[in-house]
Structures are given as C-alpha cells and as structure tokens.
C-alpha atoms as a PDB file:
ATOM      1  CA  MET A   1     113.969  90.282  95.813  1.00  0.00           C
ATOM      2  CA  SER A   2     111.692  93.311  96.121  1.00  0.00           C
ATOM      3  CA  LYS A   3     111.669  95.621  99.070  1.00  0.00           C
ATOM      4  CA  ARG A   4     108.631  97.052 100.765  1.00  0.00           C
ATOM      5  CA  TYR A   5     108.861 100.175 102.850  1.00  0.00           C
ATOM      6  CA  ASN A   6     106.854 100.641 105.982  1.00  0.00           C
ATOM      7  CA  TYR A   7     106.971 103.642 108.178  1.00  0.00           C
ATOM      8  CA  ASP A   8     107.904 103.299 111.878  1.00  0.00           C
ATOM      9  CA  TYR A   9     105.323 105.304 113.787  1.00  0.00           C
ATOM     10  CA  SER A  10     106.434 104.262 117.290  1.00  0.00           C
ATOM     11  CA  ARG A  11     107.676 107.714 118.166  1.00  0.00           C
ATOM     12  CA  LEU A  12     104.437 109.232 116.894  1.00  0.00           C
ATOM     13  CA  LYS A  13     102.390 106.759 118.939  1.00  0.00           C
ATOM     14  CA  ASP A  14     104.376 107.624 122.039  1.00  0.00           C
ATOM     15  CA  ARG A  15     103.733 111.330 121.516  1.00  0.00           C
ATOM     16  CA  ILE A  16      99.998 110.729 121.000  1.00  0.00           C
ATOM     17  CA  ALA A  17      99.818 108.721 124.207  1.00  0.00           C
ATOM     18  CA  LYS A  18     101.744 111.432 126.083  1.00  0.00           C
ATOM     19  CA  LYS A  19      99.701 114.388 124.798  1.00  0.00           C
ATOM     20  CA  TYR A  20      96.247 112.830 124.365  1.00  0.00           C
ATOM     21  CA  GLY A  21      96.210 109.597 126.444  1.00  0.00           C
ATOM     22  CA  THR A  22      94.309 107.591 123.887  1.00  0.00           C
ATOM     23  CA  LEU A  23      94.013 107.258 120.159  1.00  0.00           C
ATOM     24  CA  THR A  24      90.342 108.063 120.530  1.00  0.00           C
ATOM     25  CA  ASN A  25      91.159 111.437 122.074  1.00  0.00           C
ATOM     26  CA  PHE A  26      93.734 112.216 119.400  1.00  0.00           C
ATOM     27  CA  SER A  27      91.419 111.162 116.597  1.00  0.00           C
ATOM     28  CA  ALA A  28      88.717 113.476 117.950  1.00  0.00           C
ATOM     29  CA  ALA A  29      91.217 116.375 117.991  1.00  0.00           C
ATOM     30  CA  MET A  30      92.184 115.581 114.395  1.00  0.00           C
ATOM     31  CA  ASP A  31      88.475 115.287 113.432  1.00  0.00           C
ATOM     32  CA  CYS A  32      89.264 111.851 112.144  1.00  0.00           C
ATOM     33  CA  ASN A  33      87.644 108.400 112.559  1.00  0.00           C
ATOM     34  CA  VAL A  34      89.524 106.211 115.073  1.00  0.00           C
ATOM     35  CA  SER A  35      89.632 103.391 112.532  1.00  0.00           C
ATOM     36  CA  THR A  36      91.202 105.585 109.938  1.00  0.00           C
ATOM     37  CA  MET A  37      93.795 106.830 112.347  1.00  0.00           C
ATOM     38  CA  SER A  38      94.576 103.259 113.430  1.00  0.00           C
ATOM     39  CA  MET A  39      95.045 102.259 109.802  1.00  0.00           C
ATOM     40  CA  ARG A  40      97.473 105.142 109.260  1.00  0.00           C
ATOM     41  CA  LEU A  41      99.544 104.180 112.277  1.00  0.00           C
ATOM     42  CA  THR A  42      99.787 100.574 111.119  1.00  0.00           C
ATOM     43  CA  ASN A  43     100.709 101.360 107.480  1.00  0.00           C
ATOM     44  CA  ARG A  44      97.336 100.274 106.069  1.00  0.00           C
ATOM     45  CA  ALA A  45      96.471 103.805 104.981  1.00  0.00           C
ATOM     46  CA  GLU A  46      98.542 106.801 103.922  1.00  0.00           C
ATOM     47  CA  TRP A  47      98.758 110.114 105.807  1.00  0.00           C
ATOM     48  CA  PRO A  48      97.470 113.029 103.708  1.00  0.00           C
ATOM     49  CA  GLN A  49      99.883 115.957 103.871  1.00  0.00           C
ATOM     50  CA  GLY A  50      97.307 118.236 105.402  1.00  0.00           C
ATOM     51  CA  ASP A  51      96.731 115.797 108.246  1.00  0.00           C
ATOM     52  CA  ILE A  52     100.492 115.482 108.835  1.00  0.00           C
ATOM     53  CA  ILE A  53     100.614 119.234 109.315  1.00  0.00           C
ATOM     54  CA  LYS A  54      97.581 119.223 111.606  1.00  0.00           C
ATOM     55  CA  ALA A  55      99.034 116.370 113.666  1.00  0.00           C
ATOM     56  CA  LYS A  56     102.406 118.162 113.850  1.00  0.00           C
ATOM     57  CA  GLU A  57     100.709 121.241 115.279  1.00  0.00           C
ATOM     58  CA  LEU A  58      98.468 119.386 117.726  1.00  0.00           C
ATOM     59  CA  LEU A  59     101.389 117.235 118.995  1.00  0.00           C
ATOM     60  CA  ARG A  60     103.830 120.224 118.977  1.00  0.00           C
ATOM     61  CA  ILE A  61     106.335 118.538 116.684  1.00  0.00           C
ATOM     62  CA  SER A  62     108.933 120.894 115.357  1.00  0.00           C
ATOM     63  CA  ASN A  63     109.587 121.265 111.575  1.00  0.00           C
ATOM     64  CA  ARG A  64     113.076 119.754 112.039  1.00  0.00           C
ATOM     65  CA  ASP A  65     111.660 116.665 113.847  1.00  0.00           C
ATOM     66  CA  ILE A  66     108.809 115.933 111.425  1.00  0.00           C
ATOM     67  CA  GLY A  67     110.854 113.341 109.583  1.00  0.00           C
ATOM     68  CA  ALA A  68     111.563 111.356 112.703  1.00  0.00           C
ATOM     69  CA  PHE A  69     107.823 111.142 113.448  1.00  0.00           C
ATOM     70  CA  PHE A  70     106.407 110.558 109.970  1.00  0.00           C
ATOM     71  CA  TYR A  71     109.145 109.391 107.643  1.00  0.00           C
ATOM     72  CA  THR A  72     111.316 106.902 109.492  1.00  0.00           C
ATOM     73  CA  THR A  73     111.237 103.664 107.477  1.00  0.00           C
ATOM     74  CA  ASN A  74     111.493 100.034 108.246  1.00  0.00           C
ATOM     75  CA  VAL A  75     112.678  97.932 105.315  1.00  0.00           C
ATOM     76  CA  GLN A  76     111.240  94.431 104.902  1.00  0.00           C
ATOM     77  CA  LYS A  77     112.368  91.985 102.267  1.00  0.00           C
ATOM     78  CA  ASP A  78     109.602  90.035 100.612  1.00  0.00           C
END
C-alpha cells in the first residue's frame, strides 16, 4: 500500500481569516490569484519557497512556528 502525504493547512487558514478576513484579501496582499491560493491551501498546487516566506511575514508567523503552518502532514493510505 502506498502512502500519499497531504499538508494540513487548517492552522494557516485560521491565521489568514484572522489577519485578512478573506482569502481574496490575503491573495491580494500576496499578489497572487485567488484560484492559485485556493489550490495551494487544498493541496492541488505547491507553495513556492519565496511565497512561504512572504506569507510568513504577512501573517506574522515566527520562524519556529513555520513548520506548524506549512509542513504539518496528514497521511492517507491509498
């Protein structure tokens, strides 16, 4: 049985809602299309490292907490 890793962005989504209210507002601050941002938050597109750093700064995520927001995995068995 193979394993597929998906990232759990629930904490990131909560921070976006708290700081920006909507994904549209956050996407504008990131200078990113809303569709692309949605795809990233649902594991249909990857986060480029530069955008992770930009999001970290905009959302005031500390360096020590970056893993909890961007690298928490859910493991699903196929």
